């Protein structure tokens, strides 16, 4: 009798390796939100709410955001957004690249960009929509950065006030330094990123000549009316109620109204806006101006609402104008307010304190050492200064022992930069270019402060 066959149990082949199962977790996607959640949890877990300095800093942060909303959003930023939207809609990319592009004539491009601040009395945040507008239309990196720096830095009102309050030497140093800075920083940015700029220049050469939809003189008048509204509405109150600046300040709202009337006439004549719409909006603004003569912000806000309604209910160019302005608003406003909150938390409002005690600042900027000038440049770069507020702040710091060199360094770095400003610049032209731009401003401000402090101590 034959033995029954032995049935062996199936065993996996030892020579074959089992393929590992694919993980269901994609860490490339998961780590960012997880890090954010964990980081927020740790921050709130250890939040020092019982600490008086922290509580005061939070109040200062909210107070600065409130002040910024009241003083700058309606009068400064909203008109700037409309101007930026108009640049994006009514100025062709080929035209911008022809005069401000990478292949444009350097003398013309940098000359126009470097003195633009003498017209625009704006702060480091209000210049951002205008910078984003010309950048979007193809302006070269060098001229665009020169415009970005010069806009708030070469404010003629601030320079005159600086000379009167802080001394003629600092006033002249600020004016000369700001013009030179804008050109030198623009050229350095061009050289550092010249490969990208050369590609831009080659693209500009291939672009056709811009089609002229409206004569140049019409566009000039149209933009002049909006710039006139921006400049006159933001005209700062002088330190003393005498002189030419005070005379202009006393009638600034009449100038604002005149430019607004001009803009309304242009929209009816050249942009097919119905006359009855403009008449109704103008009448509403006039009535509110008469009812609230001491609250001009009420009538100004009504004018903004009127322009918004008119532009969104008129098909064609005005509708595109509003949509472009809205795109800039969505991109810039959240970052600005986030930056203002952080700046208020760390440094407080002008004349108040945040988490960083003001005595630390004043003790580190005495004399004319490299450290004092560098520290003044860095603090100025991150702190937010509204137009003209840097002068009384520096007056107090000079009285507390600040050296004249660090004072000039702060004046050259402060008005042109701020933490909110940096966040928005990064969203427009990228992290690398923003870091290089900030470093160039800080380094040049430090060197200028050292030179100035050596001769004018």
Protein backbone atom coordinates (compact mmCIF):
# COMPACT_ATOMS: atom_id res chain seq x y z
CA UNK A 1 0.00 0.00 0.00
CA UNK A 2 1.47 3.28 -1.11
CA UNK A 3 1.96 6.05 1.38
CA UNK A 4 -0.50 8.91 1.06
CA UNK A 5 1.03 12.11 -0.38
CA UNK A 6 2.07 14.61 2.18
CA UNK A 7 0.27 17.93 1.73
CA UNK A 8 2.49 20.81 2.74
CA UNK A 9 1.03 24.09 3.96
CA UNK A 10 1.43 26.99 1.61
CA UNK A 11 4.18 29.24 2.93
CA UNK A 12 5.23 32.55 1.42
CA UNK A 13 8.24 32.40 -0.76
CA UNK A 14 11.14 33.52 1.36
CA UNK A 15 12.89 34.92 -1.71
CA UNK A 16 10.03 37.31 -2.51
CA UNK A 17 9.76 40.55 -0.53
CA UNK A 18 6.36 41.88 0.29
CA UNK A 19 5.69 45.33 -1.14
CA UNK A 20 5.05 47.81 1.68
CA UNK A 21 1.62 49.33 1.76
CA UNK A 22 1.45 52.96 0.64
CA UNK A 23 0.99 55.41 3.48
CA UNK A 24 -2.29 57.24 3.57
CA UNK A 25 -0.55 60.30 5.02
CA UNK A 26 0.90 62.89 2.65
CA UNK A 27 3.28 64.80 4.91
CA UNK A 28 4.04 67.35 2.21
CA UNK A 29 0.46 68.57 2.49
CA UNK A 30 -0.13 67.82 6.16
CA UNK A 31 2.83 69.47 7.90
CA UNK A 32 1.85 73.10 7.20
CA UNK A 33 -1.67 73.07 8.70
CA UNK A 34 -0.50 70.78 11.51
CA UNK A 35 2.38 73.12 12.39
CA UNK A 36 0.01 76.09 12.32
CA UNK A 37 -2.49 74.42 14.64
CA UNK A 38 0.19 73.21 17.06
CA UNK A 39 1.89 76.61 17.03
CA UNK A 40 -1.36 78.46 17.77
CA UNK A 41 -2.14 76.00 20.56
CA UNK A 42 1.25 76.56 22.20
CA UNK A 43 0.90 80.35 21.89
CA UNK A 44 -2.55 80.42 23.47
CA UNK A 45 -1.58 77.84 26.10
CA UNK A 46 1.25 80.03 27.40
CA UNK A 47 -0.40 83.39 26.68
CA UNK A 48 0.68 85.74 29.52
CA UNK A 49 -2.70 87.43 29.90
CA UNK A 50 -1.98 88.28 33.56
CA UNK A 51 1.15 90.23 32.66
CA UNK A 52 0.45 93.96 32.71
CA UNK A 53 2.95 94.80 29.96
CA UNK A 54 1.47 92.16 27.67
CA UNK A 55 -2.07 93.37 28.35
CA UNK A 56 -0.98 96.94 27.64
CA UNK A 57 0.74 95.85 24.43
CA UNK A 58 -2.45 94.13 23.22
CA UNK A 59 -4.40 97.32 23.88
CA UNK A 60 -1.75 99.32 22.03
CA UNK A 61 -1.97 96.90 19.10
CA UNK A 62 -5.74 97.30 18.84
CA UNK A 63 -5.49 101.06 19.39
CA UNK A 64 -2.96 101.39 16.56
CA UNK A 65 -5.21 99.36 14.25
CA UNK A 66 -8.17 101.58 15.20
CA UNK A 67 -6.15 104.75 14.60
CA UNK A 68 -4.92 103.37 11.28
CA UNK A 69 -8.47 102.55 10.20
CA UNK A 70 -9.74 106.00 11.15
CA UNK A 71 -6.89 108.09 9.77
CA UNK A 72 -5.54 106.20 6.77
CA UNK A 73 -7.89 103.68 5.20
CA UNK A 74 -10.58 106.02 3.87
CA UNK A 75 -8.44 109.08 3.11
CA UNK A 76 -5.24 107.37 1.94
CA UNK A 77 -5.65 103.74 0.96
CA UNK A 78 -9.01 103.79 -0.79
CA UNK A 79 -8.02 106.59 -3.22
CA UNK A 80 -4.70 104.79 -3.75
CA UNK A 81 -6.55 101.56 -4.60
CA UNK A 82 -8.66 103.38 -7.19
CA UNK A 83 -5.52 104.94 -8.72
CA UNK A 84 -3.82 101.53 -8.83
CA UNK A 85 -6.90 100.02 -10.48
CA UNK A 86 -6.89 102.80 -13.06
CA UNK A 87 -3.20 102.14 -13.80
CA UNK A 88 -3.98 98.47 -14.37
CA UNK A 89 -6.94 99.26 -16.64
CA UNK A 90 -6.13 102.39 -18.58
CA UNK A 91 -2.33 102.31 -18.98
CA UNK A 92 -1.15 99.63 -21.38
CA UNK A 93 1.57 97.21 -20.38
CA UNK A 94 3.58 98.16 -23.45
CA UNK A 95 3.48 101.84 -22.46
CA UNK A 96 4.67 101.13 -18.91
CA UNK A 97 7.48 98.92 -20.15
CA UNK A 98 8.47 101.56 -22.69
CA UNK A 99 9.01 104.26 -20.04
CA UNK A 100 9.59 102.32 -16.81
CA UNK A 101 10.43 98.82 -18.02
CA UNK A 102 13.73 96.98 -17.82
CA UNK A 103 14.66 98.17 -21.30
CA UNK A 104 13.65 101.81 -20.81
CA UNK A 105 16.15 104.65 -20.82
CA UNK A 106 17.72 104.62 -17.37
CA UNK A 107 17.92 108.39 -16.97
CA UNK A 108 14.22 108.85 -17.73
CA UNK A 109 13.00 105.82 -15.73
CA UNK A 110 15.01 106.44 -12.58
CA UNK A 111 14.64 110.21 -12.82
CA UNK A 112 10.83 110.03 -12.80
CA UNK A 113 10.71 107.32 -10.13
CA UNK A 114 13.19 108.99 -7.77
CA UNK A 115 11.35 112.32 -7.47
CA UNK A 116 7.80 110.99 -7.41
CA UNK A 117 7.61 111.44 -3.65
CA UNK A 118 7.70 115.22 -3.96
CA UNK A 119 4.15 115.00 -5.34
CA UNK A 120 2.76 112.12 -3.27
CA UNK A 121 2.48 112.95 0.44
CA UNK A 122 1.91 109.31 1.38
CA UNK A 123 3.17 106.82 3.96
CA UNK A 124 4.90 103.48 3.44
CA UNK A 125 1.54 101.68 3.19
CA UNK A 126 -0.34 104.06 0.89
CA UNK A 127 2.40 103.80 -1.75
CA UNK A 128 1.89 100.01 -1.98
CA UNK A 129 -1.19 99.91 -4.26
CA UNK A 130 0.50 102.35 -6.65
CA UNK A 131 3.69 100.25 -6.64
CA UNK A 132 1.67 97.08 -7.22
CA UNK A 133 -0.12 98.77 -10.11
CA UNK A 134 2.98 99.74 -12.07
CA UNK A 135 4.67 96.42 -11.23
CA UNK A 136 1.67 94.51 -12.55
CA UNK A 137 1.83 96.47 -15.80
CA UNK A 138 5.46 95.50 -16.39
CA UNK A 139 7.62 98.18 -14.80
CA UNK A 140 11.26 97.19 -14.39
CA UNK A 141 12.44 96.12 -10.95
CA UNK A 142 14.86 99.05 -10.59
CA UNK A 143 12.43 101.89 -11.43
CA UNK A 144 9.60 100.20 -9.51
CA UNK A 145 11.74 99.88 -6.37
CA UNK A 146 12.97 103.46 -6.77
CA UNK A 147 9.33 104.58 -6.89
CA UNK A 148 8.48 102.37 -3.91
CA UNK A 149 11.21 103.94 -1.79
CA UNK A 150 10.90 107.54 -2.95
CA UNK A 151 7.10 107.77 -2.61
CA UNK A 152 7.03 108.09 1.19
CA UNK A 153 10.69 109.10 1.68
CA UNK A 154 10.84 112.30 -0.41
CA UNK A 155 7.67 113.85 0.94
CA UNK A 156 8.37 117.58 0.60
CA UNK A 157 6.17 118.42 3.59
CA UNK A 158 8.05 116.00 5.82
CA UNK A 159 11.42 117.29 4.64
CA UNK A 160 10.46 120.92 5.34
CA UNK A 161 9.10 119.95 8.78
CA UNK A 162 12.28 117.96 9.49
CA UNK A 163 14.47 120.96 8.68
CA UNK A 164 12.40 123.30 10.86
CA UNK A 165 12.06 121.02 13.89
CA UNK A 166 15.21 118.87 13.85
CA UNK A 167 17.60 121.28 12.18
CA UNK A 168 18.62 122.31 8.67
CA UNK A 169 21.46 119.77 8.50
CA UNK A 170 19.19 116.78 9.16
CA UNK A 171 16.56 118.17 6.77
CA UNK A 172 19.08 118.51 3.92
CA UNK A 173 20.61 115.14 4.78
CA UNK A 174 17.20 113.51 4.59
CA UNK A 175 16.32 115.11 1.24
CA UNK A 176 19.66 114.35 -0.44
CA UNK A 177 19.92 110.89 1.09
CA UNK A 178 16.39 109.90 0.01
CA UNK A 179 16.93 110.88 -3.63
CA UNK A 180 20.30 109.10 -3.78
CA UNK A 181 18.89 106.07 -1.96
CA UNK A 182 16.04 105.60 -4.40
CA UNK A 183 18.34 105.59 -7.43
CA UNK A 184 21.15 103.53 -5.89
CA UNK A 185 18.83 100.91 -4.38
CA UNK A 186 16.93 100.64 -7.65
CA UNK A 187 20.15 100.16 -9.62
CA UNK A 188 21.47 97.60 -7.14
CA UNK A 189 18.21 95.63 -7.31
CA UNK A 190 18.49 95.69 -11.10
CA UNK A 191 22.08 94.41 -10.99
CA UNK A 192 21.34 91.69 -8.45
CA UNK A 193 18.39 90.38 -10.47
CA UNK A 194 19.69 91.39 -13.89
CA UNK A 195 18.95 88.02 -15.54
CA UNK A 196 15.25 88.40 -14.86
CA UNK A 197 15.38 92.03 -15.93
CA UNK A 198 17.12 91.16 -19.18
CA UNK A 199 14.36 88.66 -19.94
CA UNK A 200 11.82 91.42 -19.26
CA UNK A 201 13.66 93.77 -21.60
CA UNK A 202 13.69 91.17 -24.39
CA UNK A 203 9.95 90.62 -23.90
CA UNK A 204 9.36 94.36 -24.10
CA UNK A 205 11.15 94.56 -27.45
CA UNK A 206 8.76 91.96 -28.89
CA UNK A 207 5.64 93.76 -27.70
CA UNK A 208 3.69 95.78 -30.26
CA UNK A 209 3.28 99.52 -29.96
CA UNK A 210 0.43 100.33 -27.58
CA UNK A 211 -2.94 101.06 -29.12
CA UNK A 212 -4.09 104.48 -28.05
CA UNK A 213 -7.71 104.27 -26.91
CA UNK A 214 -7.67 107.73 -25.37
CA UNK A 215 -5.25 110.61 -26.03
CA UNK A 216 -2.39 110.95 -23.56
CA UNK A 217 -3.53 114.37 -22.36
CA UNK A 218 -6.90 112.91 -21.33
CA UNK A 219 -5.24 110.19 -19.28
CA UNK A 220 -2.95 112.77 -17.67
CA UNK A 221 -5.91 114.92 -16.58
CA UNK A 222 -7.83 111.86 -15.38
CA UNK A 223 -4.95 110.62 -13.20
CA UNK A 224 -4.16 114.16 -12.03
CA UNK A 225 -7.70 114.52 -10.67
CA UNK A 226 -7.34 111.34 -8.59
CA UNK A 227 -3.83 112.20 -7.39
CA UNK A 228 -5.14 115.65 -6.48
CA UNK A 229 -7.83 114.08 -4.31
CA UNK A 230 -5.28 111.84 -2.61
CA UNK A 231 -2.77 114.63 -1.93
CA UNK A 232 -5.24 117.27 -0.78
CA UNK A 233 -7.23 114.88 1.45
CA UNK A 234 -4.06 113.67 3.19
CA UNK A 235 -2.45 117.12 3.58
CA UNK A 236 -1.03 117.01 7.11
CA UNK A 237 -1.68 119.63 9.75
CA UNK A 238 1.47 121.75 10.29
CA UNK A 239 3.13 121.97 13.67
CA UNK A 240 2.44 125.71 13.91
CA UNK A 241 -0.76 127.43 12.71
CA UNK A 242 1.12 129.94 10.54
CA UNK A 243 2.70 130.09 7.12
CA UNK A 244 1.92 128.73 3.67
CA UNK A 245 1.43 125.10 4.74
CA UNK A 246 -1.17 126.14 7.30
CA UNK A 247 -2.95 128.31 4.73
CA UNK A 248 -3.19 125.35 2.35
CA UNK A 249 -4.31 123.07 5.19
CA UNK A 250 -7.15 125.43 6.10
CA UNK A 251 -8.66 125.10 2.61
CA UNK A 252 -7.59 121.50 1.83
CA UNK A 253 -11.17 120.24 1.66
CA UNK A 254 -12.06 122.86 -0.94
CA UNK A 255 -9.19 121.56 -3.06
CA UNK A 256 -10.42 117.99 -2.47
CA UNK A 257 -13.93 118.94 -3.53
CA UNK A 258 -12.63 120.71 -6.64
CA UNK A 259 -10.64 117.67 -7.76
CA UNK A 260 -13.66 115.45 -7.03
CA UNK A 261 -15.88 117.64 -9.23
CA UNK A 262 -13.26 117.44 -12.00
CA UNK A 263 -13.18 113.64 -11.72
CA UNK A 264 -16.98 113.49 -11.93
CA UNK A 265 -17.02 115.65 -15.07
CA UNK A 266 -14.37 113.44 -16.69
CA UNK A 267 -16.28 110.25 -15.89
CA UNK A 268 -19.40 111.67 -17.54
CA UNK A 269 -17.56 113.11 -20.56
CA UNK A 270 -15.07 110.31 -21.31
CA UNK A 271 -16.28 107.14 -19.57
CA UNK A 272 -19.98 107.10 -20.52
CA UNK A 273 -21.24 107.55 -16.96
CA UNK A 274 -24.82 108.84 -16.87
CA UNK A 275 -24.98 112.48 -15.81
CA UNK A 276 -27.96 111.91 -13.50
CA UNK A 277 -25.99 109.29 -11.51
CA UNK A 278 -23.11 111.68 -11.00
CA UNK A 279 -25.47 114.54 -10.11
CA UNK A 280 -27.26 112.42 -7.51
CA UNK A 281 -23.97 111.29 -5.92
CA UNK A 282 -22.59 114.82 -5.91
CA UNK A 283 -25.72 116.20 -4.31
CA UNK A 284 -25.55 113.59 -1.54
CA UNK A 285 -21.92 114.48 -0.80
CA UNK A 286 -22.71 118.21 -0.77
CA UNK A 287 -25.63 117.77 1.64
CA UNK A 288 -23.53 115.68 4.04
CA UNK A 289 -20.70 118.21 3.87
CA UNK A 290 -23.15 120.94 4.91
CA UNK A 291 -24.75 118.84 7.65
CA UNK A 292 -21.39 117.72 9.10
CA UNK A 293 -18.97 120.61 8.42
CA UNK A 294 -16.58 119.48 11.17
CA UNK A 295 -16.62 115.82 10.11
CA UNK A 296 -15.29 115.84 6.52
CA UNK A 297 -14.75 112.09 6.66
CA UNK A 298 -18.53 111.63 6.42
CA UNK A 299 -18.82 113.44 3.09
CA UNK A 300 -15.58 111.87 1.81
CA UNK A 301 -16.88 108.38 2.63
CA UNK A 302 -20.14 109.16 0.85
CA UNK A 303 -18.13 110.17 -2.21
CA UNK A 304 -16.29 106.84 -2.17
CA UNK A 305 -19.58 104.96 -1.89
CA UNK A 306 -20.96 107.03 -4.77
CA UNK A 307 -17.98 106.29 -7.04
CA UNK A 308 -18.26 102.59 -6.15
CA UNK A 309 -21.95 102.45 -7.02
CA UNK A 310 -21.46 104.41 -10.23
CA UNK A 311 -18.50 102.33 -11.40
CA UNK A 312 -20.26 99.01 -10.70
CA UNK A 313 -23.51 100.02 -12.40
CA UNK A 314 -21.90 101.39 -15.57
CA UNK A 315 -20.86 98.72 -18.01
CA UNK A 316 -17.51 98.89 -19.75
CA UNK A 317 -14.35 100.63 -18.59
CA UNK A 318 -15.62 101.82 -15.21
CA UNK A 319 -16.67 98.30 -14.24
CA UNK A 320 -13.21 96.98 -15.13
CA UNK A 321 -11.72 99.87 -13.15
CA UNK A 322 -13.62 98.85 -10.02
CA UNK A 323 -12.73 95.15 -10.40
CA UNK A 324 -9.01 95.97 -10.74
CA UNK A 325 -9.18 98.22 -7.68
CA UNK A 326 -10.94 95.47 -5.75
CA UNK A 327 -8.24 92.95 -6.70
CA UNK A 328 -5.57 95.19 -5.17
CA UNK A 329 -7.72 95.71 -2.08
CA UNK A 330 -8.13 91.97 -1.49
CA UNK A 331 -4.41 91.38 -1.90
CA UNK A 332 -3.12 94.24 0.25
CA UNK A 333 -5.60 95.09 3.01
CA UNK A 334 -5.44 91.83 5.08
CA UNK A 335 -1.64 91.90 5.13
CA UNK A 336 -1.58 95.58 6.08
CA UNK A 337 -3.85 95.14 9.07
CA UNK A 338 -1.98 92.03 10.22
CA UNK A 339 1.26 93.98 10.05
CA UNK A 340 -0.22 96.97 11.90
CA UNK A 341 -1.43 94.69 14.71
CA UNK A 342 2.02 93.07 15.09
CA UNK A 343 3.82 96.43 14.93
CA UNK A 344 1.49 97.84 17.60
CA UNK A 345 2.01 94.80 19.82
CA UNK A 346 5.81 95.08 19.66
CA UNK A 347 6.39 98.83 19.56
CA UNK A 348 3.06 100.45 20.44
CA UNK A 349 1.70 103.69 19.04
CA UNK A 350 3.88 106.80 18.70
CA UNK A 351 4.39 108.06 22.24
CA UNK A 352 3.27 104.77 23.84
CA UNK A 353 4.90 101.42 24.54
CA UNK A 354 4.37 97.87 23.36
CA UNK A 355 6.22 94.74 24.43
CA UNK A 356 9.57 96.42 23.69
CA UNK A 357 10.23 99.20 26.24
CA UNK A 358 11.03 102.58 24.68
CA UNK A 359 13.95 103.05 27.11
CA UNK A 360 15.70 100.12 25.43
CA UNK A 361 15.46 101.93 22.11
CA UNK A 362 16.68 105.28 23.44
CA UNK A 363 19.59 103.65 25.33
CA UNK A 364 20.80 101.82 22.20
CA UNK A 365 20.84 104.77 19.80
CA UNK A 366 23.13 107.17 21.64
CA UNK A 367 26.44 108.24 20.10
CA UNK A 368 27.46 107.35 16.57
CA UNK A 369 28.66 103.76 16.70
CA UNK A 370 27.95 101.14 14.05
CA UNK A 371 25.64 99.35 16.48
CA UNK A 372 23.66 102.51 17.25
CA UNK A 373 23.14 103.33 13.57
CA UNK A 374 22.33 99.74 12.65
CA UNK A 375 19.84 99.45 15.51
CA UNK A 376 18.17 102.73 14.51
CA UNK A 377 17.91 101.53 10.91
CA UNK A 378 16.38 98.17 11.87
CA UNK A 379 13.88 99.70 14.32
CA UNK A 380 12.94 102.33 11.75
CA UNK A 381 12.48 99.67 9.07
CA UNK A 382 10.04 97.63 11.17
CA UNK A 383 8.16 100.43 12.95
CA UNK A 384 5.16 102.01 11.26
CA UNK A 385 5.30 105.79 10.75
CA UNK A 386 2.34 107.70 9.42
CA UNK A 387 3.16 110.72 7.27
CA UNK A 388 4.92 113.42 9.35
CA UNK A 389 4.71 111.49 12.66
CA UNK A 390 8.37 110.49 12.49
CA UNK A 391 9.46 114.10 13.17
CA UNK A 392 7.97 114.56 16.67
CA UNK A 393 9.03 111.02 17.59
CA UNK A 394 12.63 111.78 16.64
CA UNK A 395 12.44 115.11 18.43
CA UNK A 396 11.69 113.21 21.63
CA UNK A 397 14.42 110.63 21.01
CA UNK A 398 17.02 113.36 20.32
CA UNK A 399 16.02 114.99 23.58
CA UNK A 400 16.56 111.64 25.32
CA UNK A 401 20.14 111.38 24.01
CA UNK A 402 19.83 109.91 20.53
CA UNK A 403 22.78 110.71 18.26
CA UNK A 404 22.26 112.70 15.06
CA UNK A 405 23.71 109.90 12.94
CA UNK A 406 21.20 107.28 14.18
CA UNK A 407 18.46 109.95 13.83
CA UNK A 408 19.19 110.33 10.12
CA UNK A 409 19.48 106.53 9.74
CA UNK A 410 16.00 106.12 11.23
CA UNK A 411 14.63 108.89 8.99
CA UNK A 412 16.01 107.19 5.87
CA UNK A 413 14.83 103.70 6.78
CA UNK A 414 11.63 104.42 8.72
CA UNK A 415 9.18 106.29 6.46
CA UNK A 416 9.95 104.07 3.44
CA UNK A 417 9.58 100.73 5.26
CA UNK A 418 7.41 99.13 7.93
CA UNK A 419 6.39 95.62 8.91
CA UNK A 420 2.99 95.92 7.13
CA UNK A 421 4.82 97.33 4.11
CA UNK A 422 7.21 94.34 3.99
CA UNK A 423 4.39 91.79 4.12
CA UNK A 424 2.67 93.36 1.13
CA UNK A 425 5.90 93.80 -0.88
CA UNK A 426 6.59 90.10 -0.39
CA UNK A 427 3.16 89.21 -1.81
CA UNK A 428 3.85 91.41 -4.86
CA UNK A 429 7.43 90.59 -5.86
CA UNK A 430 8.39 87.55 -3.75
CA UNK A 431 10.40 86.77 -0.63
CA UNK A 432 13.90 86.94 -2.13
CA UNK A 433 13.51 90.38 -3.69
CA UNK A 434 11.82 91.72 -0.55
CA UNK A 435 14.64 90.52 1.72
CA UNK A 436 17.27 92.04 -0.58
CA UNK A 437 15.37 95.35 -0.74
CA UNK A 438 14.99 95.60 3.05
CA UNK A 439 18.65 94.70 3.62
CA UNK A 440 19.80 97.33 1.12
CA UNK A 441 17.71 100.02 2.83
CA UNK A 442 19.01 99.08 6.29
CA UNK A 443 22.65 98.87 5.18
CA UNK A 444 22.59 102.18 3.29
CA UNK A 445 20.75 103.93 6.13
CA UNK A 446 23.39 102.66 8.57
CA UNK A 447 26.28 103.88 6.40
CA UNK A 448 24.59 107.25 5.85
CA UNK A 449 24.03 107.65 9.58
CA UNK A 450 27.70 106.90 10.30
CA UNK A 451 28.90 109.46 7.75
CA UNK A 452 26.44 112.13 8.86
CA UNK A 453 27.13 111.58 12.54
CA UNK A 454 30.86 111.91 11.98
CA UNK A 455 30.58 115.39 10.46
CA UNK A 456 27.50 116.76 12.26
CA UNK A 457 27.79 115.33 15.76
